[in-house]
Amino acid sequence: MAELKLKYAEEFTVAGKFGQGKADEGPQWIVPLWEQANGAYSQIQDIALKNESGAPKGMWGLMGHPDNYLGRWDDQGLYLAGCEVRPDAKVPEGWTKWTVPAHTYLVGDCSGTAYGELFQQTIEQYLPKHGLQLTGAVHEHYPEPGNPAHVELYFPVAKGQLFCQSCGMPLTNNEELGTEQGGEANYEYCGYCYRDGAFTSDSSMEEMIELCLKYGAESGAEFFADREQAKARMQAWFPTLKRWKRD
C-alpha cells in the first residue's frame, strides 16, 4: 500500500465539467467529462490558476452526492472535472464551479492500476485502524497536467484542521504526528506530546497550558499576543481535548 501523507488544504475553488451517474459505471460517464473539460480549456484559461510554467494549477476530479454537497458516493455520484480558479471568478456557460472548504486530508499517490487497491485499503483498513473517519467524498488530484495516469487520492479526515488532543497544536503533516511503538503514526497527538506509544511527560492540564503559553509567546503567533486572553481560551478549550476530558 502506498504511503499516506497528512496534508491540510485551505479552501479552494474548481471550475469544471459536471456530470452524474451510477457509481459502478463511473468510467463510462467520467471520462467524457475530462474530454469536454480539456477540449474547452481555452474558455476558462483566463480565470484558471497557473503554476510557474504556465500550466493549470490544480487539476481536480471532485466528487459529491446528489443529496449532499461534496458528500460520499453510494450507488449514485456527482463528479466535477476541472482546474482551480479564482474564488470570485465567473464561469462561462456550460461550466460549473464548486468551492471545497478547508479540510485535512490523507493523500495517497497512485497510478491508474493501483487506484482501486489504494482506495479500498485506505477505507476498509487504514482509517478504522487509526481511529479516523471520512468527513466527505474522496477527491482526485492530478499533479502533472497532461498525465492522467498520475493520480493523488485525497481522503478527507477532518473539517478544517486536526489538533493535538494534548496541547492543541495543529497537525498538518506527517512530521508533526506522534508515534506508536515501532514508529507508526498516531493521529491524535503531536510528536512533542506523544512518542513511541507513550506521553512524553506527566504534565497536568494546567502545566501544559503554561508550557504552551511560553512557547507560543516565543513563536510570535498572533493567538498568543494577549497572554491572558490566550490563557482564558485554552482553559475553556483544553478540557474538551481527549487527554484532559473527564467523564
C-alpha atoms as a PDB file:
ATOM      1  CA  MET A   1       0.000   0.000   0.000  1.00  0.00           C
ATOM      2  CA  ALA A   2       1.258   3.466  -0.895  1.00  0.00           C
ATOM      3  CA  GLU A   3       2.332   5.772   1.920  1.00  0.00           C
ATOM      4  CA  LEU A   4      -0.381   8.137   3.086  1.00  0.00           C
ATOM      5  CA  LYS A   5       0.655  11.680   3.900  1.00  0.00           C
ATOM      6  CA  LEU A   6      -1.251  14.056   6.134  1.00  0.00           C
ATOM      7  CA  LYS A   7      -1.983  17.381   4.454  1.00  0.00           C
ATOM      8  CA  TYR A   8      -4.017  20.419   5.418  1.00  0.00           C
ATOM      9  CA  ALA A   9      -5.509  22.341   2.490  1.00  0.00           C
ATOM     10  CA  GLU A  10      -7.106  25.758   2.633  1.00  0.00           C
ATOM     11  CA  GLU A  11     -10.396  26.388   0.838  1.00  0.00           C
ATOM     12  CA  PHE A  12     -10.093  26.232  -2.956  1.00  0.00           C
ATOM     13  CA  THR A  13     -12.404  26.608  -5.948  1.00  0.00           C
ATOM     14  CA  VAL A  14     -12.639  24.462  -9.074  1.00  0.00           C
ATOM     15  CA  ALA A  15     -14.373  25.174 -12.382  1.00  0.00           C
ATOM     16  CA  GLY A  16     -15.139  22.136 -14.454  1.00  0.00           C
ATOM     17  CA  LYS A  17     -17.484  19.992 -16.447  1.00  0.00           C
ATOM     18  CA  PHE A  18     -20.181  18.442 -14.298  1.00  0.00           C
ATOM     19  CA  GLY A  19     -21.844  15.054 -14.573  1.00  0.00           C
ATOM     20  CA  GLN A  20     -23.628  12.413 -12.529  1.00  0.00           C
ATOM     21  CA  GLY A  21     -24.383   8.753 -12.829  1.00  0.00           C
ATOM     22  CA  LYS A  22     -24.204   5.303 -11.293  1.00  0.00           C
ATOM     23  CA  ALA A  23     -21.144   4.624  -9.155  1.00  0.00           C
ATOM     24  CA  ASP A  24     -20.419   1.255 -10.738  1.00  0.00           C
ATOM     25  CA  GLU A  25     -20.465   2.862 -14.186  1.00  0.00           C
ATOM     26  CA  GLY A  26     -18.132   5.733 -13.269  1.00  0.00           C
ATOM     27  CA  PRO A  27     -15.573   5.404 -16.088  1.00  0.00           C
ATOM     28  CA  GLN A  28     -18.338   5.427 -18.686  1.00  0.00           C
ATOM     29  CA  TRP A  29     -19.580   8.910 -17.762  1.00  0.00           C
ATOM     30  CA  ILE A  30     -16.486  10.453 -16.103  1.00  0.00           C
ATOM     31  CA  VAL A  31     -14.013  10.017 -18.969  1.00  0.00           C
ATOM     32  CA  PRO A  32     -16.217  12.111 -21.330  1.00  0.00           C
ATOM     33  CA  LEU A  33     -16.261  14.901 -18.710  1.00  0.00           C
ATOM     34  CA  TRP A  34     -12.473  15.127 -18.831  1.00  0.00           C
ATOM     35  CA  GLU A  35     -12.554  15.098 -22.617  1.00  0.00           C
ATOM     36  CA  GLN A  36     -15.009  18.016 -22.547  1.00  0.00           C
ATOM     37  CA  ALA A  37     -13.002  19.939 -19.938  1.00  0.00           C
ATOM     38  CA  ASN A  38      -9.677  19.501 -21.726  1.00  0.00           C
ATOM     39  CA  GLY A  39     -11.169  20.282 -25.119  1.00  0.00           C
ATOM     40  CA  ALA A  40     -12.751  23.530 -23.915  1.00  0.00           C
ATOM     41  CA  TYR A  41      -9.982  24.704 -21.574  1.00  0.00           C
ATOM     42  CA  SER A  42      -9.487  27.862 -23.642  1.00  0.00           C
ATOM     43  CA  GLN A  43     -12.860  29.062 -22.336  1.00  0.00           C
ATOM     44  CA  ILE A  44     -11.561  29.277 -18.763  1.00  0.00           C
ATOM     45  CA  GLN A  45      -7.846  29.818 -19.246  1.00  0.00           C
ATOM     46  CA  ASP A  46      -8.133  33.473 -18.210  1.00  0.00           C
ATOM     47  CA  ILE A  47      -9.593  32.593 -14.806  1.00  0.00           C
ATOM     48  CA  ALA A  48      -7.596  29.395 -14.199  1.00  0.00           C
ATOM     49  CA  LEU A  49      -4.791  29.488 -11.642  1.00  0.00           C
ATOM     50  CA  LYS A  50      -1.416  28.677 -13.194  1.00  0.00           C
ATOM     51  CA  ASN A  51       1.835  27.146 -11.953  1.00  0.00           C
ATOM     52  CA  GLU A  52       5.276  28.624 -12.644  1.00  0.00           C
ATOM     53  CA  SER A  53       5.409  27.067 -16.109  1.00  0.00           C
ATOM     54  CA  GLY A  54       2.015  28.486 -17.054  1.00  0.00           C
ATOM     55  CA  ALA A  55       0.169  25.168 -16.906  1.00  0.00           C
ATOM     56  CA  PRO A  56      -3.119  24.894 -14.974  1.00  0.00           C
ATOM     57  CA  LYS A  57      -2.544  24.713 -11.235  1.00  0.00           C
ATOM     58  CA  GLY A  58      -4.590  22.066  -9.541  1.00  0.00           C
ATOM     59  CA  MET A  59      -6.370  19.644 -11.845  1.00  0.00           C
ATOM     60  CA  TRP A  60      -9.142  18.023  -9.822  1.00  0.00           C
ATOM     61  CA  GLY A  61     -11.804  15.393 -10.109  1.00  0.00           C
ATOM     62  CA  LEU A  62     -14.143  16.454  -7.307  1.00  0.00           C
ATOM     63  CA  MET A  63     -16.835  14.097  -6.073  1.00  0.00           C
ATOM     64  CA  GLY A  64     -20.157  14.666  -4.391  1.00  0.00           C
ATOM     65  CA  HIS A  65     -23.551  13.136  -3.773  1.00  0.00           C
ATOM     66  CA  PRO A  66     -26.892  14.173  -5.300  1.00  0.00           C
ATOM     67  CA  ASP A  67     -28.327  14.778  -1.824  1.00  0.00           C
ATOM     68  CA  ASN A  68     -25.172  16.031  -0.078  1.00  0.00           C
ATOM     69  CA  TYR A  69     -22.787  18.647  -1.448  1.00  0.00           C
ATOM     70  CA  LEU A  70     -19.301  17.072  -1.557  1.00  0.00           C
ATOM     71  CA  GLY A  71     -20.802  14.064   0.225  1.00  0.00           C
ATOM     72  CA  ARG A  72     -19.689  10.465  -0.241  1.00  0.00           C
ATOM     73  CA  TRP A  73     -20.981   8.369  -3.103  1.00  0.00           C
ATOM     74  CA  ASP A  74     -23.299   5.426  -2.589  1.00  0.00           C
ATOM     75  CA  ASP A  75     -24.852   3.884  -5.675  1.00  0.00           C
ATOM     76  CA  GLN A  76     -25.014   7.349  -7.288  1.00  0.00           C
ATOM     77  CA  GLY A  77     -22.422  10.087  -7.538  1.00  0.00           C
ATOM     78  CA  LEU A  78     -21.591  13.537  -8.845  1.00  0.00           C
ATOM     79  CA  TYR A  79     -18.267  14.457 -10.456  1.00  0.00           C
ATOM     80  CA  LEU A  80     -16.638  17.732 -11.490  1.00  0.00           C
ATOM     81  CA  ALA A  81     -13.646  17.521 -13.862  1.00  0.00           C
ATOM     82  CA  GLY A  82     -11.658  20.735 -13.980  1.00  0.00           C
ATOM     83  CA  CYS A  83      -8.991  23.001 -12.521  1.00  0.00           C
ATOM     84  CA  GLU A  84      -8.572  25.559  -9.782  1.00  0.00           C
ATOM     85  CA  VAL A  85      -9.792  29.078 -10.488  1.00  0.00           C
ATOM     86  CA  ARG A  86     -10.060  32.340  -8.605  1.00  0.00           C
ATOM     87  CA  PRO A  87     -12.790  32.106  -5.961  1.00  0.00           C
ATOM     88  CA  ASP A  88     -14.624  35.144  -7.361  1.00  0.00           C
ATOM     89  CA  ALA A  89     -14.347  34.029 -10.989  1.00  0.00           C
ATOM     90  CA  LYS A  90     -17.455  33.957 -13.156  1.00  0.00           C
ATOM     91  CA  VAL A  91     -17.501  30.744 -15.174  1.00  0.00           C
ATOM     92  CA  PRO A  92     -18.724  30.571 -18.789  1.00  0.00           C
ATOM     93  CA  GLU A  93     -21.979  28.913 -19.702  1.00  0.00           C
ATOM     94  CA  GLY A  94     -21.656  25.145 -19.604  1.00  0.00           C
ATOM     95  CA  TRP A  95     -19.160  25.178 -16.730  1.00  0.00           C
ATOM     96  CA  THR A  96     -19.826  24.544 -13.035  1.00  0.00           C
ATOM     97  CA  LYS A  97     -17.957  25.988 -10.069  1.00  0.00           C
ATOM     98  CA  TRP A  98     -17.530  24.221  -6.726  1.00  0.00           C
ATOM     99  CA  THR A  99     -15.761  25.517  -3.642  1.00  0.00           C
ATOM    100  CA  VAL A 100     -14.145  22.972  -1.321  1.00  0.00           C
ATOM    101  CA  PRO A 101     -13.933  24.134   2.319  1.00  0.00           C
ATOM    102  CA  ALA A 102     -10.675  23.814   4.243  1.00  0.00           C
ATOM    103  CA  HIS A 103     -10.008  20.202   5.197  1.00  0.00           C
ATOM    104  CA  THR A 104      -7.289  17.931   6.482  1.00  0.00           C
ATOM    105  CA  TYR A 105      -6.604  15.003   4.169  1.00  0.00           C
ATOM    106  CA  LEU A 106      -4.702  11.784   3.959  1.00  0.00           C
ATOM    107  CA  VAL A 107      -3.117  11.849   0.500  1.00  0.00           C
ATOM    108  CA  GLY A 108      -2.087   8.729  -1.358  1.00  0.00           C
ATOM    109  CA  ASP A 109      -0.107   8.778  -4.610  1.00  0.00           C
ATOM    110  CA  CYS A 110      -1.013   6.065  -7.081  1.00  0.00           C
ATOM    111  CA  SER A 111      -1.055   5.068 -10.704  1.00  0.00           C
ATOM    112  CA  GLY A 112      -4.219   4.131 -12.516  1.00  0.00           C
ATOM    113  CA  THR A 113      -3.635   0.440 -11.888  1.00  0.00           C
ATOM    114  CA  ALA A 114      -3.168   0.927  -8.116  1.00  0.00           C
ATOM    115  CA  TYR A 115      -6.179   3.210  -7.741  1.00  0.00           C
ATOM    116  CA  GLY A 116      -8.703   0.621  -6.626  1.00  0.00           C
ATOM    117  CA  GLU A 117      -6.316  -1.109  -4.231  1.00  0.00           C
ATOM    118  CA  LEU A 118      -5.313   2.145  -2.520  1.00  0.00           C
ATOM    119  CA  PHE A 119      -8.918   3.292  -2.278  1.00  0.00           C
ATOM    120  CA  GLN A 120     -10.187   0.046  -0.782  1.00  0.00           C
ATOM    121  CA  GLN A 121      -7.326  -0.499   1.672  1.00  0.00           C
ATOM    122  CA  THR A 122      -7.498   3.074   2.942  1.00  0.00           C
ATOM    123  CA  ILE A 123     -11.262   2.997   3.505  1.00  0.00           C
ATOM    124  CA  GLU A 124     -11.554  -0.531   4.862  1.00  0.00           C
ATOM    125  CA  GLN A 125      -8.294  -0.928   6.784  1.00  0.00           C
ATOM    126  CA  TYR A 126      -6.158   2.152   7.365  1.00  0.00           C
ATOM    127  CA  LEU A 127      -8.808   4.607   8.535  1.00  0.00           C
ATOM    128  CA  PRO A 128     -10.502   2.234  11.034  1.00  0.00           C
ATOM    129  CA  LYS A 129      -7.125   1.082  12.359  1.00  0.00           C
ATOM    130  CA  HIS A 130      -6.120   4.661  13.166  1.00  0.00           C
ATOM    131  CA  GLY A 131      -9.474   5.823  14.508  1.00  0.00           C
ATOM    132  CA  LEU A 132     -10.203   8.057  11.516  1.00  0.00           C
ATOM    133  CA  GLN A 133     -13.375   8.545   9.504  1.00  0.00           C
ATOM    134  CA  LEU A 134     -14.107  10.179   6.184  1.00  0.00           C
ATOM    135  CA  THR A 135     -15.669  13.621   6.555  1.00  0.00           C
ATOM    136  CA  GLY A 136     -16.739  13.827   2.914  1.00  0.00           C
ATOM    137  CA  ALA A 137     -16.114  12.448  -0.544  1.00  0.00           C
ATOM    138  CA  VAL A 138     -12.677  11.366  -1.741  1.00  0.00           C
ATOM    139  CA  HIS A 139     -11.256  13.644  -4.453  1.00  0.00           C
ATOM    140  CA  GLU A 140      -8.818  13.010  -7.278  1.00  0.00           C
ATOM    141  CA  HIS A 141      -5.886  15.365  -7.835  1.00  0.00           C
ATOM    142  CA  TYR A 142      -3.735  15.258 -10.968  1.00  0.00           C
ATOM    143  CA  PRO A 143      -0.361  16.844 -10.083  1.00  0.00           C
ATOM    144  CA  GLU A 144       1.028  16.588 -13.627  1.00  0.00           C
ATOM    145  CA  PRO A 145      -1.176  18.365 -16.196  1.00  0.00           C
ATOM    146  CA  GLY A 146      -1.408  16.165 -19.256  1.00  0.00           C
ATOM    147  CA  ASN A 147      -0.585  12.971 -17.370  1.00  0.00           C
ATOM    148  CA  PRO A 148      -3.898  11.354 -16.327  1.00  0.00           C
ATOM    149  CA  ALA A 149      -2.093   8.210 -15.123  1.00  0.00           C
ATOM    150  CA  HIS A 150      -0.596  10.070 -12.153  1.00  0.00           C
ATOM    151  CA  VAL A 151      -3.336  10.439  -9.566  1.00  0.00           C
ATOM    152  CA  GLU A 152      -3.344  11.509  -5.930  1.00  0.00           C
ATOM    153  CA  LEU A 153      -6.346  10.483  -3.849  1.00  0.00           C
ATOM    154  CA  TYR A 154      -7.402  12.975  -1.185  1.00  0.00           C
ATOM    155  CA  PHE A 155      -9.219  11.287   1.701  1.00  0.00           C
ATOM    156  CA  PRO A 156     -10.806  13.990   3.930  1.00  0.00           C
ATOM    157  CA  VAL A 157     -10.426  13.113   7.624  1.00  0.00           C
ATOM    158  CA  ALA A 158     -11.232  16.421   9.342  1.00  0.00           C
ATOM    159  CA  LYS A 159     -13.211  19.526   8.518  1.00  0.00           C
ATOM    160  CA  GLY A 160     -10.653  22.272   8.983  1.00  0.00           C
ATOM    161  CA  GLN A 161      -7.590  21.268  10.961  1.00  0.00           C
ATOM    162  CA  LEU A 162      -6.711  18.300  13.126  1.00  0.00           C
ATOM    163  CA  PHE A 163      -5.415  19.311  16.545  1.00  0.00           C
ATOM    164  CA  CYS A 164      -3.225  17.503  19.053  1.00  0.00           C
ATOM    165  CA  GLN A 165      -5.522  16.212  21.767  1.00  0.00           C
ATOM    166  CA  SER A 166      -2.960  17.145  24.400  1.00  0.00           C
ATOM    167  CA  CYS A 167      -1.519  20.587  23.548  1.00  0.00           C
ATOM    168  CA  GLY A 168      -3.854  21.770  20.784  1.00  0.00           C
ATOM    169  CA  MET A 169      -1.142  22.122  18.146  1.00  0.00           C
ATOM    170  CA  PRO A 170      -2.465  21.899  14.563  1.00  0.00           C
ATOM    171  CA  LEU A 171      -1.457  18.653  12.849  1.00  0.00           C
ATOM    172  CA  THR A 172      -0.814  19.464   9.206  1.00  0.00           C
ATOM    173  CA  ASN A 173       1.829  16.975   8.049  1.00  0.00           C
ATOM    174  CA  ASN A 174       3.382  13.621   8.960  1.00  0.00           C
ATOM    175  CA  GLU A 175       6.400  15.181  10.662  1.00  0.00           C
ATOM    176  CA  GLU A 176       4.144  16.707  13.338  1.00  0.00           C
ATOM    177  CA  LEU A 177       2.413  13.456  14.262  1.00  0.00           C
ATOM    178  CA  GLY A 178       3.033  11.428  17.388  1.00  0.00           C
ATOM    179  CA  THR A 179       4.168   7.819  17.050  1.00  0.00           C
ATOM    180  CA  GLU A 180       3.295   4.406  18.432  1.00  0.00           C
ATOM    181  CA  GLN A 181       5.884   1.811  19.379  1.00  0.00           C
ATOM    182  CA  GLY A 182       7.608   0.826  16.169  1.00  0.00           C
ATOM    183  CA  GLY A 183       7.140   4.265  14.638  1.00  0.00           C
ATOM    184  CA  GLU A 184       3.591   4.031  13.282  1.00  0.00           C
ATOM    185  CA  ALA A 185       1.758   7.343  13.096  1.00  0.00           C
ATOM    186  CA  ASN A 186      -0.672   8.455  15.784  1.00  0.00           C
ATOM    187  CA  TYR A 187      -3.242  10.959  14.512  1.00  0.00           C
ATOM    188  CA  GLU A 188      -4.480  12.130  17.906  1.00  0.00           C
ATOM    189  CA  TYR A 189      -1.299  13.601  19.356  1.00  0.00           C
ATOM    190  CA  CYS A 190       1.716  15.548  18.168  1.00  0.00           C
ATOM    191  CA  GLY A 191       5.277  14.291  18.385  1.00  0.00           C
ATOM    192  CA  TYR A 192       6.085  16.717  21.192  1.00  0.00           C
ATOM    193  CA  CYS A 193       3.421  15.180  23.437  1.00  0.00           C
ATOM    194  CA  TYR A 194       3.393  11.532  22.358  1.00  0.00           C
ATOM    195  CA  ARG A 195       6.241   9.315  21.109  1.00  0.00           C
ATOM    196  CA  ASP A 196       6.815   5.562  20.953  1.00  0.00           C
ATOM    197  CA  GLY A 197       3.370   4.823  22.338  1.00  0.00           C
ATOM    198  CA  ALA A 198       3.538   7.000  25.467  1.00  0.00           C
ATOM    199  CA  PHE A 199       3.168  10.604  26.561  1.00  0.00           C
ATOM    200  CA  THR A 200       6.484  12.402  26.807  1.00  0.00           C
ATOM    201  CA  SER A 201       5.638  13.966  30.188  1.00  0.00           C
ATOM    202  CA  ASP A 202       3.256  13.595  33.126  1.00  0.00           C
ATOM    203  CA  SER A 203       2.164  17.224  32.940  1.00  0.00           C
ATOM    204  CA  SER A 204      -1.171  18.310  34.324  1.00  0.00           C
ATOM    205  CA  MET A 205      -3.517  20.270  32.082  1.00  0.00           C
ATOM    206  CA  GLU A 206      -2.573  23.493  33.880  1.00  0.00           C
ATOM    207  CA  GLU A 207       1.136  22.793  33.377  1.00  0.00           C
ATOM    208  CA  MET A 208       0.533  22.059  29.690  1.00  0.00           C
ATOM    209  CA  ILE A 209      -1.280  25.380  29.262  1.00  0.00           C
ATOM    210  CA  GLU A 210       1.616  27.259  30.863  1.00  0.00           C
ATOM    211  CA  LEU A 211       4.076  25.441  28.612  1.00  0.00           C
ATOM    212  CA  CYS A 212       2.028  26.303  25.525  1.00  0.00           C
ATOM    213  CA  LEU A 213       1.862  29.943  26.612  1.00  0.00           C
ATOM    214  CA  LYS A 214       5.643  30.039  26.968  1.00  0.00           C
ATOM    215  CA  TYR A 215       6.460  28.529  23.584  1.00  0.00           C
ATOM    216  CA  GLY A 216       3.558  30.317  21.889  1.00  0.00           C
ATOM    217  CA  ALA A 217       4.852  33.701  23.012  1.00  0.00           C
ATOM    218  CA  GLU A 218       8.336  32.819  21.754  1.00  0.00           C
ATOM    219  CA  SER A 219       6.906  31.845  18.369  1.00  0.00           C
ATOM    220  CA  GLY A 220       5.249  35.228  17.909  1.00  0.00           C
ATOM    221  CA  ALA A 221       1.932  33.634  16.888  1.00  0.00           C
ATOM    222  CA  GLU A 222      -0.976  36.074  16.901  1.00  0.00           C
ATOM    223  CA  PHE A 223      -3.042  33.772  19.144  1.00  0.00           C
ATOM    224  CA  PHE A 224      -0.591  34.444  21.992  1.00  0.00           C
ATOM    225  CA  ALA A 225      -0.299  38.225  21.535  1.00  0.00           C
ATOM    226  CA  ASP A 226      -2.541  38.792  24.555  1.00  0.00           C
ATOM    227  CA  ARG A 227      -1.317  36.285  27.143  1.00  0.00           C
ATOM    228  CA  GLU A 228      -4.314  36.469  29.460  1.00  0.00           C
ATOM    229  CA  GLN A 229      -6.788  36.163  26.625  1.00  0.00           C
ATOM    230  CA  ALA A 230      -4.890  33.177  25.183  1.00  0.00           C
ATOM    231  CA  LYS A 231      -4.800  31.537  28.609  1.00  0.00           C
ATOM    232  CA  ALA A 232      -8.549  32.010  29.091  1.00  0.00           C
ATOM    233  CA  ARG A 233      -9.251  30.490  25.693  1.00  0.00           C
ATOM    234  CA  MET A 234      -7.079  27.457  26.419  1.00  0.00           C
ATOM    235  CA  GLN A 235      -8.621  26.984  29.845  1.00  0.00           C
ATOM    236  CA  ALA A 236     -12.000  26.761  28.113  1.00  0.00           C
ATOM    237  CA  TRP A 237     -10.785  24.596  25.209  1.00  0.00           C
ATOM    238  CA  PHE A 238      -8.362  22.116  26.781  1.00  0.00           C
ATOM    239  CA  PRO A 239     -10.994  20.283  28.885  1.00  0.00           C
ATOM    240  CA  THR A 240     -12.602  19.269  25.556  1.00  0.00           C
ATOM    241  CA  LEU A 241      -9.366  17.617  24.320  1.00  0.00           C
ATOM    242  CA  LYS A 242      -9.118  13.852  24.695  1.00  0.00           C
ATOM    243  CA  ARG A 243      -6.191  13.815  27.123  1.00  0.00           C
ATOM    244  CA  TRP A 244      -7.885  16.187  29.583  1.00  0.00           C
ATOM    245  CA  LYS A 245     -11.533  15.291  29.101  1.00  0.00           C
ATOM    246  CA  ARG A 246     -13.182  13.796  32.133  1.00  0.00           C
ATOM    247  CA  ASP A 247     -16.322  11.656  32.072  1.00  0.00           C
END
